[in-house]
Amino acid sequence: MSDKHYINEIGTEILVDCDSTITGATELKLKIKKPNGTEVEWDAAISGTDSLRYITIIGDFNQVGKYYLQSSLTIDGWTGLGETVSFFIYDEYH
């Protein structure tokens, strides 16, 4: 993602480095907590050998404020979460 993103933006690539090989992983998700506390899951795909990729659609960035993101997947009998990261979605003209 570039440095600054805005409300209602679509087509934004979110690339999460899992810091380890995830080839063959299943149940690939990005868990999102929106600024108002709403929690959603976005279906992700493997990119390369160690990253998860998601392209935003209508409604994903529908709130201004701080979003929290955590990867979630299953691999080799392990199911769990990655580190939490955050990013900010700005209102128009900011």
PDB file of N, CA and C in Angstrom:
ATOM      1  N   MET A   1       0.844  -1.169   0.000  1.00  0.00           N
ATOM      2  CA  MET A   1       0.000   0.000   0.000  1.00  0.00           C
ATOM      3  C   MET A   1       0.890   1.233   0.000  1.00  0.00           C
ATOM      4  N   SER A   2       0.428   2.277  -0.651  1.00  0.00           N
ATOM      5  CA  SER A   2       1.171   3.529  -0.591  1.00  0.00           C
ATOM      6  C   SER A   2       0.946   4.176   0.765  1.00  0.00           C
ATOM      7  N   ASP A   3       1.512   5.354   0.966  1.00  0.00           N
ATOM      8  CA  ASP A   3       1.526   5.960   2.287  1.00  0.00           C
ATOM      9  C   ASP A   3       0.187   6.469   2.795  1.00  0.00           C
ATOM     10  N   LYS A   4      -0.700   6.917   1.907  1.00  0.00           N
ATOM     11  CA  LYS A   4      -1.942   7.529   2.364  1.00  0.00           C
ATOM     12  C   LYS A   4      -3.113   6.992   1.552  1.00  0.00           C
ATOM     13  N   HIS A   5      -4.185   6.580   2.261  1.00  0.00           N
ATOM     14  CA  HIS A   5      -5.356   6.019   1.600  1.00  0.00           C
ATOM     15  C   HIS A   5      -6.614   6.698   2.118  1.00  0.00           C
ATOM     16  N   TYR A   6      -7.636   6.692   1.271  1.00  0.00           N
ATOM     17  CA  TYR A   6      -8.841   7.470   1.545  1.00  0.00           C
ATOM     18  C   TYR A   6     -10.100   6.628   1.591  1.00  0.00           C
ATOM     19  N   ILE A   7     -11.107   7.185   2.267  1.00  0.00           N
ATOM     20  CA  ILE A   7     -12.396   6.529   2.393  1.00  0.00           C
ATOM     21  C   ILE A   7     -12.946   6.148   1.019  1.00  0.00           C
ATOM     22  N   ASN A   8     -13.575   4.989   0.955  1.00  0.00           N
ATOM     23  CA  ASN A   8     -14.226   4.444  -0.248  1.00  0.00           C
ATOM     24  C   ASN A   8     -13.261   4.089  -1.372  1.00  0.00           C
ATOM     25  N   GLU A   9     -11.982   4.016  -1.075  1.00  0.00           N
ATOM     26  CA  GLU A   9     -10.982   3.607  -2.064  1.00  0.00           C
ATOM     27  C   GLU A   9     -11.208   2.133  -2.406  1.00  0.00           C
ATOM     28  N   ILE A  10     -11.138   1.796  -3.678  1.00  0.00           N
ATOM     29  CA  ILE A  10     -11.239   0.392  -4.108  1.00  0.00           C
ATOM     30  C   ILE A  10     -10.055   0.063  -4.995  1.00  0.00           C
ATOM     31  N   GLY A  11      -9.727  -1.199  -5.069  1.00  0.00           N
ATOM     32  CA  GLY A  11      -8.618  -1.637  -5.910  1.00  0.00           C
ATOM     33  C   GLY A  11      -7.253  -1.500  -5.261  1.00  0.00           C
ATOM     34  N   THR A  12      -7.211  -1.201  -3.985  1.00  0.00           N
ATOM     35  CA  THR A  12      -5.949  -1.069  -3.261  1.00  0.00           C
ATOM     36  C   THR A  12      -5.402  -2.449  -2.929  1.00  0.00           C
ATOM     37  N   GLU A  13      -4.151  -2.691  -3.260  1.00  0.00           N
ATOM     38  CA  GLU A  13      -3.510  -3.963  -2.931  1.00  0.00           C
ATOM     39  C   GLU A  13      -2.982  -3.908  -1.498  1.00  0.00           C
ATOM     40  N   ILE A  14      -3.382  -4.887  -0.718  1.00  0.00           N
ATOM     41  CA  ILE A  14      -2.842  -5.057   0.631  1.00  0.00           C
ATOM     42  C   ILE A  14      -1.979  -6.310   0.583  1.00  0.00           C
ATOM     43  N   LEU A  15      -0.704  -6.140   0.882  1.00  0.00           N
ATOM     44  CA  LEU A  15       0.260  -7.229   0.837  1.00  0.00           C
ATOM     45  C   LEU A  15       0.855  -7.390   2.234  1.00  0.00           C
ATOM     46  N   VAL A  16       0.653  -8.564   2.830  1.00  0.00           N
ATOM     47  CA  VAL A  16       1.101  -8.826   4.202  1.00  0.00           C
ATOM     48  C   VAL A  16       2.226  -9.862   4.160  1.00  0.00           C
ATOM     49  N   ASP A  17       3.422  -9.459   4.570  1.00  0.00           N
ATOM     50  CA  ASP A  17       4.572 -10.359   4.644  1.00  0.00           C
ATOM     51  C   ASP A  17       4.437 -11.210   5.904  1.00  0.00           C
ATOM     52  N   CYS A  18       4.324 -12.517   5.742  1.00  0.00           N
ATOM     53  CA  CYS A  18       4.147 -13.425   6.878  1.00  0.00           C
ATOM     54  C   CYS A  18       5.476 -13.836   7.510  1.00  0.00           C
ATOM     55  N   ASP A  19       6.578 -13.397   6.918  1.00  0.00           N
ATOM     56  CA  ASP A  19       7.923 -13.630   7.466  1.00  0.00           C
ATOM     57  C   ASP A  19       8.286 -15.111   7.564  1.00  0.00           C
ATOM     58  N   SER A  20       7.611 -15.933   6.751  1.00  0.00           N
ATOM     59  CA  SER A  20       7.900 -17.359   6.719  1.00  0.00           C
ATOM     60  C   SER A  20       7.186 -17.952   5.504  1.00  0.00           C
ATOM     61  N   THR A  21       7.664 -19.067   5.021  1.00  0.00           N
ATOM     62  CA  THR A  21       7.052 -19.698   3.858  1.00  0.00           C
ATOM     63  C   THR A  21       5.649 -20.200   4.217  1.00  0.00           C
ATOM     64  N   ILE A  22       4.671 -19.811   3.393  1.00  0.00           N
ATOM     65  CA  ILE A  22       3.285 -20.224   3.642  1.00  0.00           C
ATOM     66  C   ILE A  22       2.722 -21.022   2.466  1.00  0.00           C
ATOM     67  N   THR A  23       3.593 -21.491   1.578  1.00  0.00           N
ATOM     68  CA  THR A  23       3.154 -22.310   0.458  1.00  0.00           C
ATOM     69  C   THR A  23       2.369 -23.504   0.984  1.00  0.00           C
ATOM     70  N   GLY A  24       1.186 -23.719   0.443  1.00  0.00           N
ATOM     71  CA  GLY A  24       0.335 -24.825   0.870  1.00  0.00           C
ATOM     72  C   GLY A  24      -0.614 -24.480   2.008  1.00  0.00           C
ATOM     73  N   ALA A  25      -0.543 -23.252   2.505  1.00  0.00           N
ATOM     74  CA  ALA A  25      -1.443 -22.846   3.600  1.00  0.00           C
ATOM     75  C   ALA A  25      -2.884 -22.770   3.094  1.00  0.00           C
ATOM     76  N   THR A  26      -3.824 -22.945   4.005  1.00  0.00           N
ATOM     77  CA  THR A  26      -5.249 -22.866   3.684  1.00  0.00           C
ATOM     78  C   THR A  26      -5.927 -21.902   4.653  1.00  0.00           C
ATOM     79  N   GLU A  27      -7.222 -21.700   4.444  1.00  0.00           N
ATOM     80  CA  GLU A  27      -8.016 -20.811   5.299  1.00  0.00           C
ATOM     81  C   GLU A  27      -7.348 -19.435   5.429  1.00  0.00           C
ATOM     82  N   LEU A  28      -6.962 -18.868   4.300  1.00  0.00           N
ATOM     83  CA  LEU A  28      -6.236 -17.606   4.247  1.00  0.00           C
ATOM     84  C   LEU A  28      -7.184 -16.433   4.436  1.00  0.00           C
ATOM     85  N   LYS A  29      -6.981 -15.679   5.498  1.00  0.00           N
ATOM     86  CA  LYS A  29      -7.860 -14.552   5.826  1.00  0.00           C
ATOM     87  C   LYS A  29      -7.032 -13.367   6.308  1.00  0.00           C
ATOM     88  N   LEU A  30      -7.602 -12.196   6.115  1.00  0.00           N
ATOM     89  CA  LEU A  30      -7.131 -11.007   6.803  1.00  0.00           C
ATOM     90  C   LEU A  30      -8.264 -10.610   7.740  1.00  0.00           C
ATOM     91  N   LYS A  31      -7.976 -10.586   9.021  1.00  0.00           N
ATOM     92  CA  LYS A  31      -8.967 -10.185  10.015  1.00  0.00           C
ATOM     93  C   LYS A  31      -8.799  -8.684  10.204  1.00  0.00           C
ATOM     94  N   ILE A  32      -9.906  -7.959  10.082  1.00  0.00           N
ATOM     95  CA  ILE A  32      -9.884  -6.502  10.112  1.00  0.00           C
ATOM     96  C   ILE A  32     -10.774  -5.993  11.236  1.00  0.00           C
ATOM     97  N   LYS A  33     -10.252  -5.035  11.994  1.00  0.00           N
ATOM     98  CA  LYS A  33     -11.067  -4.318  12.979  1.00  0.00           C
ATOM     99  C   LYS A  33     -11.137  -2.870  12.506  1.00  0.00           C
ATOM    100  N   LYS A  34     -12.354  -2.433  12.181  1.00  0.00           N
ATOM    101  CA  LYS A  34     -12.568  -1.089  11.651  1.00  0.00           C
ATOM    102  C   LYS A  34     -12.613  -0.063  12.788  1.00  0.00           C
ATOM    103  N   PRO A  35     -12.531   1.229  12.445  1.00  0.00           N
ATOM    104  CA  PRO A  35     -12.488   2.275  13.480  1.00  0.00           C
ATOM    105  C   PRO A  35     -13.639   2.248  14.484  1.00  0.00           C
ATOM    106  N   ASN A  36     -14.827   1.808  14.075  1.00  0.00           N
ATOM    107  CA  ASN A  36     -15.968   1.779  15.013  1.00  0.00           C
ATOM    108  C   ASN A  36     -16.031   0.476  15.813  1.00  0.00           C
ATOM    109  N   GLY A  37     -15.030  -0.403  15.638  1.00  0.00           N
ATOM    110  CA  GLY A  37     -14.981  -1.659  16.382  1.00  0.00           C
ATOM    111  C   GLY A  37     -15.547  -2.852  15.635  1.00  0.00           C
ATOM    112  N   THR A  38     -16.165  -2.626  14.482  1.00  0.00           N
ATOM    113  CA  THR A  38     -16.690  -3.719  13.658  1.00  0.00           C
ATOM    114  C   THR A  38     -15.534  -4.612  13.215  1.00  0.00           C
ATOM    115  N   GLU A  39     -15.732  -5.926  13.313  1.00  0.00           N
ATOM    116  CA  GLU A  39     -14.720  -6.886  12.863  1.00  0.00           C
ATOM    117  C   GLU A  39     -15.224  -7.635  11.646  1.00  0.00           C
ATOM    118  N   VAL A  40     -14.370  -7.722  10.613  1.00  0.00           N
ATOM    119  CA  VAL A  40     -14.703  -8.434   9.386  1.00  0.00           C
ATOM    120  C   VAL A  40     -13.506  -9.296   8.981  1.00  0.00           C
ATOM    121  N   GLU A  41     -13.753 -10.223   8.062  1.00  0.00           N
ATOM    122  CA  GLU A  41     -12.675 -11.031   7.496  1.00  0.00           C
ATOM    123  C   GLU A  41     -12.691 -10.875   5.994  1.00  0.00           C
ATOM    124  N   TRP A  42     -11.510 -10.697   5.418  1.00  0.00           N
ATOM    125  CA  TRP A  42     -11.358 -10.619   3.968  1.00  0.00           C
ATOM    126  C   TRP A  42     -10.605 -11.863   3.510  1.00  0.00           C
ATOM    127  N   ASP A  43     -11.079 -12.522   2.455  1.00  0.00           N
ATOM    128  CA  ASP A  43     -10.414 -13.693   1.904  1.00  0.00           C
ATOM    129  C   ASP A  43      -9.136 -13.249   1.194  1.00  0.00           C
ATOM    130  N   ALA A  44      -8.031 -13.849   1.560  1.00  0.00           N
ATOM    131  CA  ALA A  44      -6.734 -13.499   0.989  1.00  0.00           C
ATOM    132  C   ALA A  44      -6.238 -14.624   0.080  1.00  0.00           C
ATOM    133  N   ALA A  45      -5.165 -14.333  -0.643  1.00  0.00           N
ATOM    134  CA  ALA A  45      -4.511 -15.321  -1.499  1.00  0.00           C
ATOM    135  C   ALA A  45      -3.011 -15.279  -1.200  1.00  0.00           C
ATOM    136  N   ILE A  46      -2.334 -16.371  -1.497  1.00  0.00           N
ATOM    137  CA  ILE A  46      -0.882 -16.399  -1.318  1.00  0.00           C
ATOM    138  C   ILE A  46      -0.243 -15.634  -2.466  1.00  0.00           C
ATOM    139  N   SER A  47       0.742 -14.822  -2.121  1.00  0.00           N
ATOM    140  CA  SER A  47       1.535 -14.086  -3.107  1.00  0.00           C
ATOM    141  C   SER A  47       2.990 -14.463  -2.888  1.00  0.00           C
ATOM    142  N   GLY A  48       3.621 -15.000  -3.928  1.00  0.00           N
ATOM    143  CA  GLY A  48       4.990 -15.491  -3.760  1.00  0.00           C
ATOM    144  C   GLY A  48       4.997 -16.700  -2.857  1.00  0.00           C
ATOM    145  N   THR A  49       5.946 -16.734  -1.926  1.00  0.00           N
ATOM    146  CA  THR A  49       6.028 -17.869  -1.002  1.00  0.00           C
ATOM    147  C   THR A  49       5.758 -17.489   0.443  1.00  0.00           C
ATOM    148  N   ASP A  50       5.703 -16.171   0.736  1.00  0.00           N
ATOM    149  CA  ASP A  50       5.617 -15.769   2.140  1.00  0.00           C
ATOM    150  C   ASP A  50       4.670 -14.609   2.432  1.00  0.00           C
ATOM    151  N   SER A  51       3.779 -14.284   1.503  1.00  0.00           N
ATOM    152  CA  SER A  51       2.895 -13.139   1.709  1.00  0.00           C
ATOM    153  C   SER A  51       1.439 -13.469   1.406  1.00  0.00           C
ATOM    154  N   LEU A  52       0.548 -12.720   2.041  1.00  0.00           N
ATOM    155  CA  LEU A  52      -0.872 -12.774   1.733  1.00  0.00           C
ATOM    156  C   LEU A  52      -1.239 -11.510   0.978  1.00  0.00           C
ATOM    157  N   ARG A  53      -2.154 -11.645   0.004  1.00  0.00           N
ATOM    158  CA  ARG A  53      -2.538 -10.526  -0.850  1.00  0.00           C
ATOM    159  C   ARG A  53      -4.054 -10.394  -0.867  1.00  0.00           C
ATOM    160  N   TYR A  54      -4.508  -9.149  -0.829  1.00  0.00           N
ATOM    161  CA  TYR A  54      -5.924  -8.848  -0.927  1.00  0.00           C
ATOM    162  C   TYR A  54      -6.077  -7.533  -1.677  1.00  0.00           C
ATOM    163  N   ILE A  55      -7.094  -7.454  -2.537  1.00  0.00           N
ATOM    164  CA  ILE A  55      -7.414  -6.228  -3.266  1.00  0.00           C
ATOM    165  C   ILE A  55      -8.757  -5.722  -2.740  1.00  0.00           C
ATOM    166  N   THR A  56      -8.793  -4.478  -2.273  1.00  0.00           N
ATOM    167  CA  THR A  56     -10.009  -3.946  -1.665  1.00  0.00           C
ATOM    168  C   THR A  56     -11.137  -3.797  -2.678  1.00  0.00           C
ATOM    169  N   ILE A  57     -12.361  -3.961  -2.165  1.00  0.00           N
ATOM    170  CA  ILE A  57     -13.573  -3.820  -2.967  1.00  0.00           C
ATOM    171  C   ILE A  57     -14.469  -2.762  -2.309  1.00  0.00           C
ATOM    172  N   ILE A  58     -15.585  -2.470  -2.940  1.00  0.00           N
ATOM    173  CA  ILE A  58     -16.532  -1.498  -2.403  1.00  0.00           C
ATOM    174  C   ILE A  58     -16.943  -1.901  -0.990  1.00  0.00           C
ATOM    175  N   GLY A  59     -16.893  -0.955  -0.080  1.00  0.00           N
ATOM    176  CA  GLY A  59     -17.300  -1.193   1.298  1.00  0.00           C
ATOM    177  C   GLY A  59     -16.180  -1.545   2.257  1.00  0.00           C
ATOM    178  N   ASP A  60     -15.013  -1.906   1.739  1.00  0.00           N
ATOM    179  CA  ASP A  60     -13.910  -2.277   2.638  1.00  0.00           C
ATOM    180  C   ASP A  60     -13.419  -1.081   3.450  1.00  0.00           C
ATOM    181  N   PHE A  61     -13.164   0.045   2.794  1.00  0.00           N
ATOM    182  CA  PHE A  61     -12.691   1.261   3.462  1.00  0.00           C
ATOM    183  C   PHE A  61     -13.849   2.243   3.584  1.00  0.00           C
ATOM    184  N   ASN A  62     -14.877   1.874   4.320  1.00  0.00           N
ATOM    185  CA  ASN A  62     -16.087   2.702   4.423  1.00  0.00           C
ATOM    186  C   ASN A  62     -16.145   3.547   5.693  1.00  0.00           C
ATOM    187  N   GLN A  63     -15.044   3.600   6.433  1.00  0.00           N
ATOM    188  CA  GLN A  63     -14.969   4.415   7.645  1.00  0.00           C
ATOM    189  C   GLN A  63     -13.630   5.142   7.690  1.00  0.00           C
ATOM    190  N   VAL A  64     -13.651   6.351   8.194  1.00  0.00           N
ATOM    191  CA  VAL A  64     -12.429   7.118   8.404  1.00  0.00           C
ATOM    192  C   VAL A  64     -11.863   6.723   9.762  1.00  0.00           C
ATOM    193  N   GLY A  65     -10.553   6.538   9.829  1.00  0.00           N
ATOM    194  CA  GLY A  65      -9.918   6.242  11.108  1.00  0.00           C
ATOM    195  C   GLY A  65      -8.907   5.123  11.015  1.00  0.00           C
ATOM    196  N   LYS A  66      -8.526   4.615  12.177  1.00  0.00           N
ATOM    197  CA  LYS A  66      -7.488   3.599  12.299  1.00  0.00           C
ATOM    198  C   LYS A  66      -8.080   2.200  12.160  1.00  0.00           C
ATOM    199  N   TYR A  67      -7.510   1.429  11.245  1.00  0.00           N
ATOM    200  CA  TYR A  67      -7.880   0.035  11.013  1.00  0.00           C
ATOM    201  C   TYR A  67      -6.770  -0.850  11.579  1.00  0.00           C
ATOM    202  N   TYR A  68      -7.159  -2.007  12.124  1.00  0.00           N
ATOM    203  CA  TYR A  68      -6.202  -3.010  12.583  1.00  0.00           C
ATOM    204  C   TYR A  68      -6.343  -4.235  11.703  1.00  0.00           C
ATOM    205  N   LEU A  69      -5.227  -4.868  11.381  1.00  0.00           N
ATOM    206  CA  LEU A  69      -5.206  -6.015  10.475  1.00  0.00           C
ATOM    207  C   LEU A  69      -4.365  -7.120  11.096  1.00  0.00           C
ATOM    208  N   GLN A  70      -4.853  -8.350  10.977  1.00  0.00           N
ATOM    209  CA  GLN A  70      -4.112  -9.523  11.427  1.00  0.00           C
ATOM    210  C   GLN A  70      -4.327 -10.635  10.421  1.00  0.00           C
ATOM    211  N   SER A  71      -3.231 -11.262   9.984  1.00  0.00           N
ATOM    212  CA  SER A  71      -3.354 -12.401   9.075  1.00  0.00           C
ATOM    213  C   SER A  71      -3.790 -13.624   9.868  1.00  0.00           C
ATOM    214  N   SER A  72      -4.465 -14.545   9.173  1.00  0.00           N
ATOM    215  CA  SER A  72      -4.940 -15.780   9.781  1.00  0.00           C
ATOM    216  C   SER A  72      -4.826 -16.887   8.741  1.00  0.00           C
ATOM    217  N   LEU A  73      -4.265 -18.027   9.128  1.00  0.00           N
ATOM    218  CA  LEU A  73      -4.129 -19.137   8.183  1.00  0.00           C
ATOM    219  C   LEU A  73      -3.882 -20.446   8.907  1.00  0.00           C
ATOM    220  N   THR A  74      -3.951 -21.516   8.133  1.00  0.00           N
ATOM    221  CA  THR A  74      -3.653 -22.864   8.622  1.00  0.00           C
ATOM    222  C   THR A  74      -2.558 -23.444   7.744  1.00  0.00           C
ATOM    223  N   ILE A  75      -1.528 -24.021   8.384  1.00  0.00           N
ATOM    224  CA  ILE A  75      -0.443 -24.660   7.627  1.00  0.00           C
ATOM    225  C   ILE A  75       0.205 -25.745   8.496  1.00  0.00           C
ATOM    226  N   ASP A  76       0.408 -26.909   7.903  1.00  0.00           N
ATOM    227  CA  ASP A  76       1.094 -28.028   8.563  1.00  0.00           C
ATOM    228  C   ASP A  76       0.558 -28.312   9.964  1.00  0.00           C
ATOM    229  N   GLY A  77      -0.768 -28.348  10.111  1.00  0.00           N
ATOM    230  CA  GLY A  77      -1.373 -28.670  11.398  1.00  0.00           C
ATOM    231  C   GLY A  77      -1.442 -27.505  12.366  1.00  0.00           C
ATOM    232  N   TRP A  78      -0.940 -26.338  11.969  1.00  0.00           N
ATOM    233  CA  TRP A  78      -0.976 -25.141  12.826  1.00  0.00           C
ATOM    234  C   TRP A  78      -2.008 -24.177  12.274  1.00  0.00           C
ATOM    235  N   THR A  79      -2.846 -23.624  13.122  1.00  0.00           N
ATOM    236  CA  THR A  79      -3.788 -22.572  12.762  1.00  0.00           C
ATOM    237  C   THR A  79      -3.547 -21.412  13.716  1.00  0.00           C
ATOM    238  N   GLY A  80      -3.406 -20.213  13.169  1.00  0.00           N
ATOM    239  CA  GLY A  80      -3.151 -19.090  14.062  1.00  0.00           C
ATOM    240  C   GLY A  80      -3.146 -17.758  13.354  1.00  0.00           C
ATOM    241  N   LEU A  81      -2.693 -16.761  14.106  1.00  0.00           N
ATOM    242  CA  LEU A  81      -2.708 -15.375  13.667  1.00  0.00           C
ATOM    243  C   LEU A  81      -1.298 -14.817  13.559  1.00  0.00           C
ATOM    244  N   GLY A  82      -1.136 -13.854  12.659  1.00  0.00           N
ATOM    245  CA  GLY A  82       0.118 -13.123  12.549  1.00  0.00           C
ATOM    246  C   GLY A  82       0.092 -11.901  13.460  1.00  0.00           C
ATOM    247  N   GLU A  83       1.141 -11.113  13.384  1.00  0.00           N
ATOM    248  CA  GLU A  83       1.220  -9.899  14.179  1.00  0.00           C
ATOM    249  C   GLU A  83       0.174  -8.887  13.727  1.00  0.00           C
ATOM    250  N   THR A  84      -0.297  -8.090  14.657  1.00  0.00           N
ATOM    251  CA  THR A  84      -1.262  -7.042  14.339  1.00  0.00           C
ATOM    252  C   THR A  84      -0.528  -5.823  13.788  1.00  0.00           C
ATOM    253  N   VAL A  85      -1.047  -5.282  12.696  1.00  0.00           N
ATOM    254  CA  VAL A  85      -0.552  -4.031  12.134  1.00  0.00           C
ATOM    255  C   VAL A  85      -1.728  -3.068  12.026  1.00  0.00           C
ATOM    256  N   SER A  86      -1.434  -1.801  11.876  1.00  0.00           N
ATOM    257  CA  SER A  86      -2.507  -0.822  11.747  1.00  0.00           C
ATOM    258  C   SER A  86      -2.199   0.149  10.615  1.00  0.00           C
ATOM    259  N   PHE A  87      -3.244   0.749  10.100  1.00  0.00           N
ATOM    260  CA  PHE A  87      -3.119   1.785   9.076  1.00  0.00           C
ATOM    261  C   PHE A  87      -4.301   2.723   9.214  1.00  0.00           C
ATOM    262  N   PHE A  88      -4.192   3.899   8.624  1.00  0.00           N
ATOM    263  CA  PHE A  88      -5.210   4.936   8.768  1.00  0.00           C
ATOM    264  C   PHE A  88      -5.867   5.209   7.426  1.00  0.00           C
ATOM    265  N   ILE A  89      -7.182   5.328   7.434  1.00  0.00           N
ATOM    266  CA  ILE A  89      -7.946   5.723   6.244  1.00  0.00           C
ATOM    267  C   ILE A  89      -8.428   7.151   6.473  1.00  0.00           C
ATOM    268  N   TYR A  90      -8.103   8.029   5.535  1.00  0.00           N
ATOM    269  CA  TYR A  90      -8.394   9.451   5.651  1.00  0.00           C
ATOM    270  C   TYR A  90      -9.696   9.822   4.957  1.00  0.00           C
ATOM    271  N   ASP A  91     -10.284  10.907   5.421  1.00  0.00           N
ATOM    272  CA  ASP A  91     -11.448  11.491   4.772  1.00  0.00           C
ATOM    273  C   ASP A  91     -10.958  12.252   3.537  1.00  0.00           C
ATOM    274  N   GLU A  92     -11.868  12.573   2.648  1.00  0.00           N
ATOM    275  CA  GLU A  92     -11.518  13.343   1.455  1.00  0.00           C
ATOM    276  C   GLU A  92     -10.839  14.654   1.827  1.00  0.00           C
ATOM    277  N   TYR A  93      -9.945  15.092   0.994  1.00  0.00           N
ATOM    278  CA  TYR A  93      -9.252  16.380   1.103  1.00  0.00           C
ATOM    279  C   TYR A  93      -8.289  16.476   2.290  1.00  0.00           C
ATOM    280  N   HIS A  94      -7.846  15.354   2.827  1.00  0.00           N
ATOM    281  CA  HIS A  94      -6.868  15.392   3.915  1.00  0.00           C
ATOM    282  C   HIS A  94      -5.563  14.792   3.465  1.00  0.00           C
TER     283      HIS A  94
END
